[in-house]
């Protein structure tokens, strides 16, 4: 299989270090009028299509589905267009452009529902999820007489998508002893720190900032984890949940659109609560802190078997090539 990449860019500021071993081409256009900017991208892409004659074009960005469809007509080439969005469609501009693709790869059942809500037939959608690698290490819970150890890994947005405010508000209302370890950075880092001080919980929160290898930090510095917490208002497919469970760490997450409900099996590898329902979130936390609810960390990796990369790539290839045979 030969694979090349094509980028639609406003300027040449993109970091290209990761493209060192990859064949790629680019279309540049910083024209302010959107219809002229799009026309230039479509023309440039159609010229590339004439030269490369691909069998398949996979669009990761939603508006690229529109560009690919128009460029296909302009180039006179025949190929199959797949969409492969990695974010909730309900929170993306130009979401309607996804209908310009022939077939669709959904990374969660929730995104499949969003596609169908836009008139796409279920027969043209394959739910492929995202992959995680099998681990040989289990991160155990703390000893029985020790405080609960909670973990947050991700961008720090006080409200908005990540709703770190809900995380702090929930923990503040719990009974019992706990610690919170936060690995990540973001535009609201200082605001989140200030809020922890305002709530009087700053002594319980340990900040690590952005880390290139967050799970090494978990293994080498934190060592014991009761549960990973996620309080997002929306997601695409939050890989932090899968990564945590691959190490045997249970997850307490909002049942946001989309992703968590595909991964979490309540009572077995974690818990779900309705986004914004802080009382329910606090209830889950209290039951874990008190020891009323206990998880078997050693069996949790087996609950996400369908997401491990060997099976993932088999399903992904089947999703593409089964459509090409039609």
C-alpha atoms as a PDB file:
ATOM      1  CA  UNK A   1       0.000   0.000   0.000  1.00  0.00           C
ATOM      2  CA  UNK A   2       1.408   3.382  -1.023  1.00  0.00           C
ATOM      3  CA  UNK A   3       0.264   6.288   1.114  1.00  0.00           C
ATOM      4  CA  UNK A   4       0.825  10.010   0.594  1.00  0.00           C
ATOM      5  CA  UNK A   5      -0.574  13.061   2.361  1.00  0.00           C
ATOM      6  CA  UNK A   6      -1.993  16.341   1.067  1.00  0.00           C
ATOM      7  CA  UNK A   7      -2.466  19.409   3.271  1.00  0.00           C
ATOM      8  CA  UNK A   8      -4.663  22.478   2.779  1.00  0.00           C
ATOM      9  CA  UNK A   9      -2.825  25.371   4.476  1.00  0.00           C
ATOM     10  CA  UNK A  10      -3.162  29.122   4.952  1.00  0.00           C
ATOM     11  CA  UNK A  11       0.607  29.545   5.373  1.00  0.00           C
ATOM     12  CA  UNK A  12       3.859  27.579   5.618  1.00  0.00           C
ATOM     13  CA  UNK A  13       4.137  27.609   9.423  1.00  0.00           C
ATOM     14  CA  UNK A  14       3.180  23.954   9.968  1.00  0.00           C
ATOM     15  CA  UNK A  15       5.706  21.888  11.933  1.00  0.00           C
ATOM     16  CA  UNK A  16       7.050  19.387   9.395  1.00  0.00           C
ATOM     17  CA  UNK A  17       9.420  17.437  11.641  1.00  0.00           C
ATOM     18  CA  UNK A  18       6.983  14.527  11.924  1.00  0.00           C
ATOM     19  CA  UNK A  19       6.728  14.330   8.110  1.00  0.00           C
ATOM     20  CA  UNK A  20      10.393  13.444   7.645  1.00  0.00           C
ATOM     21  CA  UNK A  21       9.754   9.932   6.274  1.00  0.00           C
ATOM     22  CA  UNK A  22       6.375  10.701   4.660  1.00  0.00           C
ATOM     23  CA  UNK A  23       5.616  11.760   1.097  1.00  0.00           C
ATOM     24  CA  UNK A  24       3.349  14.784   1.096  1.00  0.00           C
ATOM     25  CA  UNK A  25       2.179  17.819  -0.867  1.00  0.00           C
ATOM     26  CA  UNK A  26       0.541  21.095   0.156  1.00  0.00           C
ATOM     27  CA  UNK A  27      -1.824  23.731  -1.140  1.00  0.00           C
ATOM     28  CA  UNK A  28      -1.327  27.259   0.204  1.00  0.00           C
ATOM     29  CA  UNK A  29      -3.996  29.945   0.171  1.00  0.00           C
ATOM     30  CA  UNK A  30      -4.414  32.878   2.558  1.00  0.00           C
ATOM     31  CA  UNK A  31      -7.119  34.573   0.490  1.00  0.00           C
ATOM     32  CA  UNK A  32      -9.630  36.122   2.900  1.00  0.00           C
ATOM     33  CA  UNK A  33     -12.681  35.454   0.717  1.00  0.00           C
ATOM     34  CA  UNK A  34     -13.593  31.862   1.547  1.00  0.00           C
ATOM     35  CA  UNK A  35     -15.013  30.929  -1.879  1.00  0.00           C
ATOM     36  CA  UNK A  36     -11.814  32.084  -3.613  1.00  0.00           C
ATOM     37  CA  UNK A  37      -9.621  30.349  -1.037  1.00  0.00           C
ATOM     38  CA  UNK A  38     -11.568  27.121  -1.517  1.00  0.00           C
ATOM     39  CA  UNK A  39     -11.406  27.421  -5.299  1.00  0.00           C
ATOM     40  CA  UNK A  40      -7.611  27.621  -5.162  1.00  0.00           C
ATOM     41  CA  UNK A  41      -7.402  24.569  -2.888  1.00  0.00           C
ATOM     42  CA  UNK A  42      -9.727  22.595  -5.166  1.00  0.00           C
ATOM     43  CA  UNK A  43      -7.665  23.482  -8.237  1.00  0.00           C
ATOM     44  CA  UNK A  44      -4.343  22.575  -6.586  1.00  0.00           C
ATOM     45  CA  UNK A  45      -5.725  19.301  -5.288  1.00  0.00           C
ATOM     46  CA  UNK A  46      -7.217  18.408  -8.686  1.00  0.00           C
ATOM     47  CA  UNK A  47      -3.777  18.861 -10.281  1.00  0.00           C
ATOM     48  CA  UNK A  48      -2.248  16.568  -7.662  1.00  0.00           C
ATOM     49  CA  UNK A  49      -4.984  13.994  -8.300  1.00  0.00           C
ATOM     50  CA  UNK A  50      -4.233  13.985 -12.029  1.00  0.00           C
ATOM     51  CA  UNK A  51      -0.612  13.225 -11.255  1.00  0.00           C
ATOM     52  CA  UNK A  52      -1.082  10.658  -8.485  1.00  0.00           C
ATOM     53  CA  UNK A  53      -4.339   8.860  -9.520  1.00  0.00           C
ATOM     54  CA  UNK A  54      -5.168   7.526  -6.025  1.00  0.00           C
ATOM     55  CA  UNK A  55      -7.652   4.723  -5.406  1.00  0.00           C
ATOM     56  CA  UNK A  56      -8.752   6.151  -2.056  1.00  0.00           C
ATOM     57  CA  UNK A  57      -8.786   9.608  -0.473  1.00  0.00           C
ATOM     58  CA  UNK A  58      -9.338   9.731   3.300  1.00  0.00           C
ATOM     59  CA  UNK A  59     -10.344  13.141   4.670  1.00  0.00           C
ATOM     60  CA  UNK A  60      -9.480  13.794   8.314  1.00  0.00           C
ATOM     61  CA  UNK A  61     -10.703  17.393   8.220  1.00  0.00           C
ATOM     62  CA  UNK A  62     -14.415  17.759   7.483  1.00  0.00           C
ATOM     63  CA  UNK A  63     -14.131  20.566   4.925  1.00  0.00           C
ATOM     64  CA  UNK A  64     -11.601  18.415   3.049  1.00  0.00           C
ATOM     65  CA  UNK A  65     -14.554  16.213   2.043  1.00  0.00           C
ATOM     66  CA  UNK A  66     -15.896  19.176   0.060  1.00  0.00           C
ATOM     67  CA  UNK A  67     -12.491  19.872  -1.510  1.00  0.00           C
ATOM     68  CA  UNK A  68     -11.996  16.206  -2.450  1.00  0.00           C
ATOM     69  CA  UNK A  69     -15.457  15.903  -3.985  1.00  0.00           C
ATOM     70  CA  UNK A  70     -15.081  19.030  -6.133  1.00  0.00           C
ATOM     71  CA  UNK A  71     -11.481  18.181  -7.087  1.00  0.00           C
ATOM     72  CA  UNK A  72     -12.578  14.691  -8.161  1.00  0.00           C
ATOM     73  CA  UNK A  73     -15.042  16.207 -10.623  1.00  0.00           C
ATOM     74  CA  UNK A  74     -12.487  18.731 -11.850  1.00  0.00           C
ATOM     75  CA  UNK A  75      -9.714  16.143 -12.316  1.00  0.00           C
ATOM     76  CA  UNK A  76     -11.873  13.547 -14.057  1.00  0.00           C
ATOM     77  CA  UNK A  77     -10.298  10.860 -11.853  1.00  0.00           C
ATOM     78  CA  UNK A  78     -12.285   8.073 -10.211  1.00  0.00           C
ATOM     79  CA  UNK A  79     -11.586   7.234  -6.576  1.00  0.00           C
ATOM     80  CA  UNK A  80     -13.440   6.617  -3.319  1.00  0.00           C
ATOM     81  CA  UNK A  81     -13.694   9.352  -0.685  1.00  0.00           C
ATOM     82  CA  UNK A  82     -13.821   8.437   3.023  1.00  0.00           C
ATOM     83  CA  UNK A  83     -14.396  10.858   5.869  1.00  0.00           C
ATOM     84  CA  UNK A  84     -12.529  10.158   9.119  1.00  0.00           C
ATOM     85  CA  UNK A  85     -13.327  12.979  11.576  1.00  0.00           C
ATOM     86  CA  UNK A  86     -11.679  12.912  14.998  1.00  0.00           C
ATOM     87  CA  UNK A  87     -13.986  15.348  16.791  1.00  0.00           C
ATOM     88  CA  UNK A  88     -17.657  15.624  17.671  1.00  0.00           C
ATOM     89  CA  UNK A  89     -19.493  16.917  14.586  1.00  0.00           C
ATOM     90  CA  UNK A  90     -21.846  18.960  16.743  1.00  0.00           C
ATOM     91  CA  UNK A  91     -18.937  21.171  17.789  1.00  0.00           C
ATOM     92  CA  UNK A  92     -17.224  21.662  14.408  1.00  0.00           C
ATOM     93  CA  UNK A  93     -17.706  24.298  11.724  1.00  0.00           C
ATOM     94  CA  UNK A  94     -18.746  23.067   8.282  1.00  0.00           C
ATOM     95  CA  UNK A  95     -20.028  19.751   9.733  1.00  0.00           C
ATOM     96  CA  UNK A  96     -22.473  19.450   6.824  1.00  0.00           C
ATOM     97  CA  UNK A  97     -19.511  19.047   4.447  1.00  0.00           C
ATOM     98  CA  UNK A  98     -19.091  15.484   5.676  1.00  0.00           C
ATOM     99  CA  UNK A  99     -21.896  14.426   3.325  1.00  0.00           C
ATOM    100  CA  UNK A 100     -19.585  15.030   0.339  1.00  0.00           C
ATOM    101  CA  UNK A 101     -17.698  11.806   1.170  1.00  0.00           C
ATOM    102  CA  UNK A 102     -18.812   8.433  -0.228  1.00  0.00           C
ATOM    103  CA  UNK A 103     -18.186   6.437   2.949  1.00  0.00           C
ATOM    104  CA  UNK A 104     -17.382   7.246   6.539  1.00  0.00           C
ATOM    105  CA  UNK A 105     -15.083   6.023   9.324  1.00  0.00           C
ATOM    106  CA  UNK A 106     -16.467   6.875  12.778  1.00  0.00           C
ATOM    107  CA  UNK A 107     -14.150   6.770  15.793  1.00  0.00           C
ATOM    108  CA  UNK A 108     -17.094   6.279  18.174  1.00  0.00           C
ATOM    109  CA  UNK A 109     -20.708   5.144  18.152  1.00  0.00           C
ATOM    110  CA  UNK A 110     -21.677   8.702  19.097  1.00  0.00           C
ATOM    111  CA  UNK A 111     -20.055  10.155  15.984  1.00  0.00           C
ATOM    112  CA  UNK A 112     -21.867   7.516  13.928  1.00  0.00           C
ATOM    113  CA  UNK A 113     -25.132   8.838  15.399  1.00  0.00           C
ATOM    114  CA  UNK A 114     -24.114  12.385  14.460  1.00  0.00           C
ATOM    115  CA  UNK A 115     -23.390  11.269  10.899  1.00  0.00           C
ATOM    116  CA  UNK A 116     -26.785   9.576  10.627  1.00  0.00           C
ATOM    117  CA  UNK A 117     -28.454  12.731  11.970  1.00  0.00           C
ATOM    118  CA  UNK A 118     -27.003  14.497   8.922  1.00  0.00           C
ATOM    119  CA  UNK A 119     -28.691  12.078   6.534  1.00  0.00           C
ATOM    120  CA  UNK A 120     -25.895   9.542   6.052  1.00  0.00           C
ATOM    121  CA  UNK A 121     -27.005   5.911   5.747  1.00  0.00           C
ATOM    122  CA  UNK A 122     -25.798   3.547   8.482  1.00  0.00           C
ATOM    123  CA  UNK A 123     -24.677   1.172   5.708  1.00  0.00           C
ATOM    124  CA  UNK A 124     -22.088   3.740   4.626  1.00  0.00           C
ATOM    125  CA  UNK A 125     -20.590   4.152   8.115  1.00  0.00           C
ATOM    126  CA  UNK A 126     -18.016   1.904   9.788  1.00  0.00           C
ATOM    127  CA  UNK A 127     -17.248   2.404  13.486  1.00  0.00           C
ATOM    128  CA  UNK A 128     -13.484   1.831  13.775  1.00  0.00           C
ATOM    129  CA  UNK A 129     -12.655   3.464  17.160  1.00  0.00           C
ATOM    130  CA  UNK A 130      -8.999   4.338  17.926  1.00  0.00           C
ATOM    131  CA  UNK A 131      -6.234   1.887  18.890  1.00  0.00           C
ATOM    132  CA  UNK A 132      -4.237   1.404  22.067  1.00  0.00           C
ATOM    133  CA  UNK A 133      -1.246  -0.883  22.608  1.00  0.00           C
ATOM    134  CA  UNK A 134      -1.263  -3.837  24.997  1.00  0.00           C
ATOM    135  CA  UNK A 135       0.693  -3.130  28.188  1.00  0.00           C
ATOM    136  CA  UNK A 136       2.632  -5.534  30.409  1.00  0.00           C
ATOM    137  CA  UNK A 137       2.366  -3.332  33.511  1.00  0.00           C
ATOM    138  CA  UNK A 138      -0.571  -2.935  35.895  1.00  0.00           C
ATOM    139  CA  UNK A 139      -0.772   0.286  37.931  1.00  0.00           C
ATOM    140  CA  UNK A 140      -2.199  -0.834  41.296  1.00  0.00           C
ATOM    141  CA  UNK A 141      -4.483   1.105  43.649  1.00  0.00           C
ATOM    142  CA  UNK A 142      -3.016   2.600  46.841  1.00  0.00           C
ATOM    143  CA  UNK A 143      -2.885   0.543  50.039  1.00  0.00           C
ATOM    144  CA  UNK A 144      -6.143   0.260  51.984  1.00  0.00           C
ATOM    145  CA  UNK A 145      -5.117   2.744  54.711  1.00  0.00           C
ATOM    146  CA  UNK A 146      -3.824   5.339  52.226  1.00  0.00           C
ATOM    147  CA  UNK A 147      -5.766   8.261  50.669  1.00  0.00           C
ATOM    148  CA  UNK A 148      -7.446   7.675  47.311  1.00  0.00           C
ATOM    149  CA  UNK A 149      -5.249   8.776  44.407  1.00  0.00           C
ATOM    150  CA  UNK A 150      -7.044  10.333  41.451  1.00  0.00           C
ATOM    151  CA  UNK A 151      -5.482  11.174  38.099  1.00  0.00           C
ATOM    152  CA  UNK A 152      -6.262  13.708  35.375  1.00  0.00           C
ATOM    153  CA  UNK A 153      -4.349  13.609  32.079  1.00  0.00           C
ATOM    154  CA  UNK A 154      -5.193  16.183  29.426  1.00  0.00           C
ATOM    155  CA  UNK A 155      -5.544  19.830  28.452  1.00  0.00           C
ATOM    156  CA  UNK A 156      -6.548  22.252  31.159  1.00  0.00           C
ATOM    157  CA  UNK A 157      -9.698  24.138  30.184  1.00  0.00           C
ATOM    158  CA  UNK A 158     -11.473  25.561  33.229  1.00  0.00           C
ATOM    159  CA  UNK A 159     -14.920  25.345  31.637  1.00  0.00           C
ATOM    160  CA  UNK A 160     -15.600  24.885  27.905  1.00  0.00           C
ATOM    161  CA  UNK A 161     -14.795  21.400  26.622  1.00  0.00           C
ATOM    162  CA  UNK A 162     -12.778  19.908  29.495  1.00  0.00           C
ATOM    163  CA  UNK A 163     -14.665  21.449  32.446  1.00  0.00           C
ATOM    164  CA  UNK A 164     -11.865  21.098  34.983  1.00  0.00           C
ATOM    165  CA  UNK A 165     -14.052  23.277  37.227  1.00  0.00           C
ATOM    166  CA  UNK A 166     -16.453  20.324  37.580  1.00  0.00           C
ATOM    167  CA  UNK A 167     -13.516  18.114  38.554  1.00  0.00           C
ATOM    168  CA  UNK A 168     -12.516  20.438  41.408  1.00  0.00           C
ATOM    169  CA  UNK A 169     -16.101  21.132  42.494  1.00  0.00           C
ATOM    170  CA  UNK A 170     -16.829  17.411  42.693  1.00  0.00           C
ATOM    171  CA  UNK A 171     -13.714  16.525  44.667  1.00  0.00           C
ATOM    172  CA  UNK A 172     -14.302  19.410  47.095  1.00  0.00           C
ATOM    173  CA  UNK A 173     -17.689  17.932  48.035  1.00  0.00           C
ATOM    174  CA  UNK A 174     -16.404  14.425  48.781  1.00  0.00           C
ATOM    175  CA  UNK A 175     -15.853  12.887  52.202  1.00  0.00           C
ATOM    176  CA  UNK A 176     -12.627  11.105  53.057  1.00  0.00           C
ATOM    177  CA  UNK A 177      -9.003  11.555  52.082  1.00  0.00           C
ATOM    178  CA  UNK A 178      -7.770  11.925  48.505  1.00  0.00           C
ATOM    179  CA  UNK A 179      -5.031  13.315  46.280  1.00  0.00           C
ATOM    180  CA  UNK A 180      -5.339  14.557  42.701  1.00  0.00           C
ATOM    181  CA  UNK A 181      -2.410  14.327  40.277  1.00  0.00           C
ATOM    182  CA  UNK A 182      -2.740  16.508  37.167  1.00  0.00           C
ATOM    183  CA  UNK A 183      -0.603  15.876  34.083  1.00  0.00           C
ATOM    184  CA  UNK A 184      -1.171  18.453  31.360  1.00  0.00           C
ATOM    185  CA  UNK A 185      -1.084  22.097  30.405  1.00  0.00           C
ATOM    186  CA  UNK A 186      -3.359  24.539  28.654  1.00  0.00           C
ATOM    187  CA  UNK A 187      -4.546  28.112  28.376  1.00  0.00           C
ATOM    188  CA  UNK A 188      -6.322  27.878  31.756  1.00  0.00           C
ATOM    189  CA  UNK A 189      -3.443  26.349  33.750  1.00  0.00           C
ATOM    190  CA  UNK A 190      -3.057  29.318  36.104  1.00  0.00           C
ATOM    191  CA  UNK A 191      -6.825  29.778  36.383  1.00  0.00           C
ATOM    192  CA  UNK A 192      -7.208  26.148  37.449  1.00  0.00           C
ATOM    193  CA  UNK A 193      -4.434  26.528  40.023  1.00  0.00           C
ATOM    194  CA  UNK A 194      -6.064  29.683  41.388  1.00  0.00           C
ATOM    195  CA  UNK A 195      -9.417  27.909  41.694  1.00  0.00           C
ATOM    196  CA  UNK A 196      -7.844  25.051  43.670  1.00  0.00           C
ATOM    197  CA  UNK A 197      -6.503  27.664  46.104  1.00  0.00           C
ATOM    198  CA  UNK A 198      -9.895  29.376  46.264  1.00  0.00           C
ATOM    199  CA  UNK A 199     -11.499  26.053  47.230  1.00  0.00           C
ATOM    200  CA  UNK A 200      -8.780  25.342  49.789  1.00  0.00           C
ATOM    201  CA  UNK A 201      -7.677  22.067  48.196  1.00  0.00           C
ATOM    202  CA  UNK A 202      -4.284  23.188  46.830  1.00  0.00           C
ATOM    203  CA  UNK A 203      -2.396  20.916  49.267  1.00  0.00           C
ATOM    204  CA  UNK A 204      -4.178  17.887  47.782  1.00  0.00           C
ATOM    205  CA  UNK A 205      -3.406  18.703  44.141  1.00  0.00           C
ATOM    206  CA  UNK A 206      -0.047  17.838  42.542  1.00  0.00           C
ATOM    207  CA  UNK A 207       0.740  19.545  39.228  1.00  0.00           C
ATOM    208  CA  UNK A 208       3.165  18.075  36.679  1.00  0.00           C
ATOM    209  CA  UNK A 209       2.528  20.347  33.690  1.00  0.00           C
ATOM    210  CA  UNK A 210       2.890  19.039  30.158  1.00  0.00           C
ATOM    211  CA  UNK A 211       4.831  15.771  29.934  1.00  0.00           C
ATOM    212  CA  UNK A 212       6.107  14.111  26.750  1.00  0.00           C
ATOM    213  CA  UNK A 213       5.642  10.670  28.355  1.00  0.00           C
ATOM    214  CA  UNK A 214       2.758  11.054  30.834  1.00  0.00           C
ATOM    215  CA  UNK A 215       2.346   7.352  31.543  1.00  0.00           C
ATOM    216  CA  UNK A 216       6.000   7.059  32.534  1.00  0.00           C
ATOM    217  CA  UNK A 217       5.281   9.764  35.099  1.00  0.00           C
ATOM    218  CA  UNK A 218       2.343   7.694  36.348  1.00  0.00           C
ATOM    219  CA  UNK A 219       4.488   4.556  36.676  1.00  0.00           C
ATOM    220  CA  UNK A 220       7.651   6.132  38.083  1.00  0.00           C
ATOM    221  CA  UNK A 221       6.383   9.015  40.244  1.00  0.00           C
ATOM    222  CA  UNK A 222       2.708   8.470  41.098  1.00  0.00           C
ATOM    223  CA  UNK A 223       2.921   4.638  41.149  1.00  0.00           C
ATOM    224  CA  UNK A 224      -0.551   3.960  42.635  1.00  0.00           C
ATOM    225  CA  UNK A 225      -3.835   5.229  41.163  1.00  0.00           C
ATOM    226  CA  UNK A 226      -7.399   4.725  42.394  1.00  0.00           C
ATOM    227  CA  UNK A 227      -9.076   6.060  39.238  1.00  0.00           C
ATOM    228  CA  UNK A 228      -8.618   8.430  36.311  1.00  0.00           C
ATOM    229  CA  UNK A 229     -11.200  11.223  36.142  1.00  0.00           C
ATOM    230  CA  UNK A 230     -12.696  12.936  33.074  1.00  0.00           C
ATOM    231  CA  UNK A 231     -15.361  15.651  33.346  1.00  0.00           C
ATOM    232  CA  UNK A 232     -15.564  16.819  29.721  1.00  0.00           C
ATOM    233  CA  UNK A 233     -18.635  18.411  28.141  1.00  0.00           C
ATOM    234  CA  UNK A 234     -17.753  16.769  24.813  1.00  0.00           C
ATOM    235  CA  UNK A 235     -14.970  14.729  23.228  1.00  0.00           C
ATOM    236  CA  UNK A 236     -14.145  12.916  20.006  1.00  0.00           C
ATOM    237  CA  UNK A 237     -12.672   9.719  21.413  1.00  0.00           C
ATOM    238  CA  UNK A 238     -10.751  10.438  24.648  1.00  0.00           C
ATOM    239  CA  UNK A 239      -7.658   8.257  24.391  1.00  0.00           C
ATOM    240  CA  UNK A 240      -6.678   9.016  27.981  1.00  0.00           C
ATOM    241  CA  UNK A 241      -9.440   6.617  29.082  1.00  0.00           C
ATOM    242  CA  UNK A 242      -8.123   3.771  26.933  1.00  0.00           C
ATOM    243  CA  UNK A 243      -4.531   4.406  27.976  1.00  0.00           C
ATOM    244  CA  UNK A 244      -5.512   4.347  31.644  1.00  0.00           C
ATOM    245  CA  UNK A 245      -7.497   1.118  31.304  1.00  0.00           C
ATOM    246  CA  UNK A 246      -4.667  -0.536  29.364  1.00  0.00           C
ATOM    247  CA  UNK A 247      -2.642  -0.094  32.586  1.00  0.00           C
ATOM    248  CA  UNK A 248      -5.490  -1.454  34.720  1.00  0.00           C
ATOM    249  CA  UNK A 249      -6.678   1.955  35.975  1.00  0.00           C
ATOM    250  CA  UNK A 250     -10.487   2.335  36.264  1.00  0.00           C
ATOM    251  CA  UNK A 251     -12.066   5.544  34.922  1.00  0.00           C
ATOM    252  CA  UNK A 252     -14.867   7.743  36.223  1.00  0.00           C
ATOM    253  CA  UNK A 253     -16.045   9.838  33.284  1.00  0.00           C
ATOM    254  CA  UNK A 254     -18.861  12.023  32.083  1.00  0.00           C
ATOM    255  CA  UNK A 255     -21.015  10.193  29.551  1.00  0.00           C
ATOM    256  CA  UNK A 256     -20.302  12.950  27.059  1.00  0.00           C
ATOM    257  CA  UNK A 257     -20.640  12.855  23.290  1.00  0.00           C
ATOM    258  CA  UNK A 258     -18.644  10.969  22.295  1.00  0.00           C
ATOM    259  CA  UNK A 259     -16.474   7.990  23.223  1.00  0.00           C
ATOM    260  CA  UNK A 260     -16.681   7.187  26.958  1.00  0.00           C
ATOM    261  CA  UNK A 261     -19.746   4.951  26.661  1.00  0.00           C
ATOM    262  CA  UNK A 262     -17.909   2.836  24.056  1.00  0.00           C
ATOM    263  CA  UNK A 263     -15.102   2.113  26.520  1.00  0.00           C
ATOM    264  CA  UNK A 264     -16.496   2.153  30.048  1.00  0.00           C
ATOM    265  CA  UNK A 265     -18.448  -0.807  31.435  1.00  0.00           C
ATOM    266  CA  UNK A 266     -19.987   0.520  34.670  1.00  0.00           C
ATOM    267  CA  UNK A 267     -19.008  -1.457  37.742  1.00  0.00           C
ATOM    268  CA  UNK A 268     -16.296  -3.343  35.873  1.00  0.00           C
ATOM    269  CA  UNK A 269     -13.747  -0.809  34.599  1.00  0.00           C
ATOM    270  CA  UNK A 270     -15.240   2.480  35.767  1.00  0.00           C
ATOM    271  CA  UNK A 271     -18.383   4.588  35.987  1.00  0.00           C
ATOM    272  CA  UNK A 272     -20.322   7.064  33.843  1.00  0.00           C
ATOM    273  CA  UNK A 273     -22.379  10.078  34.862  1.00  0.00           C
ATOM    274  CA  UNK A 274     -24.402  12.632  32.901  1.00  0.00           C
ATOM    275  CA  UNK A 275     -22.246  15.669  31.977  1.00  0.00           C
ATOM    276  CA  UNK A 276     -22.783  18.428  34.511  1.00  0.00           C
ATOM    277  CA  UNK A 277     -24.518  16.135  37.046  1.00  0.00           C
ATOM    278  CA  UNK A 278     -22.083  16.916  39.869  1.00  0.00           C
ATOM    279  CA  UNK A 279     -24.154  15.084  42.511  1.00  0.00           C
ATOM    280  CA  UNK A 280     -23.795  11.821  40.575  1.00  0.00           C
ATOM    281  CA  UNK A 281     -20.082  12.456  40.043  1.00  0.00           C
ATOM    282  CA  UNK A 282     -19.603  13.044  43.788  1.00  0.00           C
ATOM    283  CA  UNK A 283     -21.528   9.854  44.551  1.00  0.00           C
ATOM    284  CA  UNK A 284     -19.156   7.783  42.410  1.00  0.00           C
ATOM    285  CA  UNK A 285     -16.129   9.445  44.015  1.00  0.00           C
ATOM    286  CA  UNK A 286     -17.396   8.838  47.557  1.00  0.00           C
ATOM    287  CA  UNK A 287     -18.075   5.161  46.911  1.00  0.00           C
ATOM    288  CA  UNK A 288     -14.539   4.715  45.612  1.00  0.00           C
ATOM    289  CA  UNK A 289     -12.906   6.750  48.403  1.00  0.00           C
ATOM    290  CA  UNK A 290     -14.773   4.824  51.114  1.00  0.00           C
ATOM    291  CA  UNK A 291     -13.932   1.457  49.586  1.00  0.00           C
ATOM    292  CA  UNK A 292     -17.598   0.622  49.014  1.00  0.00           C
ATOM    293  CA  UNK A 293     -16.736   0.156  45.330  1.00  0.00           C
ATOM    294  CA  UNK A 294     -13.531  -1.646  44.433  1.00  0.00           C
ATOM    295  CA  UNK A 295     -12.181  -2.539  41.002  1.00  0.00           C
ATOM    296  CA  UNK A 296      -9.952  -5.443  40.052  1.00  0.00           C
ATOM    297  CA  UNK A 297      -7.135  -3.597  38.331  1.00  0.00           C
ATOM    298  CA  UNK A 298      -5.648  -6.785  36.893  1.00  0.00           C
ATOM    299  CA  UNK A 299      -8.753  -7.646  34.839  1.00  0.00           C
ATOM    300  CA  UNK A 300      -9.438  -4.136  33.500  1.00  0.00           C
ATOM    301  CA  UNK A 301      -7.046  -4.410  30.496  1.00  0.00           C
ATOM    302  CA  UNK A 302      -9.103  -7.372  29.263  1.00  0.00           C
ATOM    303  CA  UNK A 303     -12.274  -5.249  29.150  1.00  0.00           C
ATOM    304  CA  UNK A 304     -10.927  -3.151  26.248  1.00  0.00           C
ATOM    305  CA  UNK A 305      -9.757  -6.012  24.040  1.00  0.00           C
ATOM    306  CA  UNK A 306     -11.519  -4.724  20.908  1.00  0.00           C
ATOM    307  CA  UNK A 307      -9.411  -1.541  21.010  1.00  0.00           C
ATOM    308  CA  UNK A 308      -5.984  -3.206  20.969  1.00  0.00           C
ATOM    309  CA  UNK A 309      -4.026  -2.376  17.842  1.00  0.00           C
ATOM    310  CA  UNK A 310      -3.868  -5.837  16.219  1.00  0.00           C
ATOM    311  CA  UNK A 311      -7.664  -6.140  16.109  1.00  0.00           C
ATOM    312  CA  UNK A 312      -8.039  -2.428  15.350  1.00  0.00           C
ATOM    313  CA  UNK A 313      -5.947  -2.530  12.170  1.00  0.00           C
ATOM    314  CA  UNK A 314      -7.750  -5.659  11.001  1.00  0.00           C
ATOM    315  CA  UNK A 315     -11.114  -3.920  11.425  1.00  0.00           C
ATOM    316  CA  UNK A 316      -9.830  -0.675   9.897  1.00  0.00           C
ATOM    317  CA  UNK A 317      -8.559  -2.405   6.757  1.00  0.00           C
ATOM    318  CA  UNK A 318     -11.806  -4.334   6.441  1.00  0.00           C
ATOM    319  CA  UNK A 319     -13.828  -1.114   6.763  1.00  0.00           C
ATOM    320  CA  UNK A 320     -11.985   0.386   3.796  1.00  0.00           C
ATOM    321  CA  UNK A 321     -11.503  -2.551   1.461  1.00  0.00           C
ATOM    322  CA  UNK A 322     -15.020  -3.941   1.937  1.00  0.00           C
ATOM    323  CA  UNK A 323     -16.363  -0.672   0.516  1.00  0.00           C
ATOM    324  CA  UNK A 324     -13.966  -0.736  -2.442  1.00  0.00           C
ATOM    325  CA  UNK A 325     -15.368  -4.088  -3.515  1.00  0.00           C
ATOM    326  CA  UNK A 326     -18.862  -2.640  -3.935  1.00  0.00           C
END
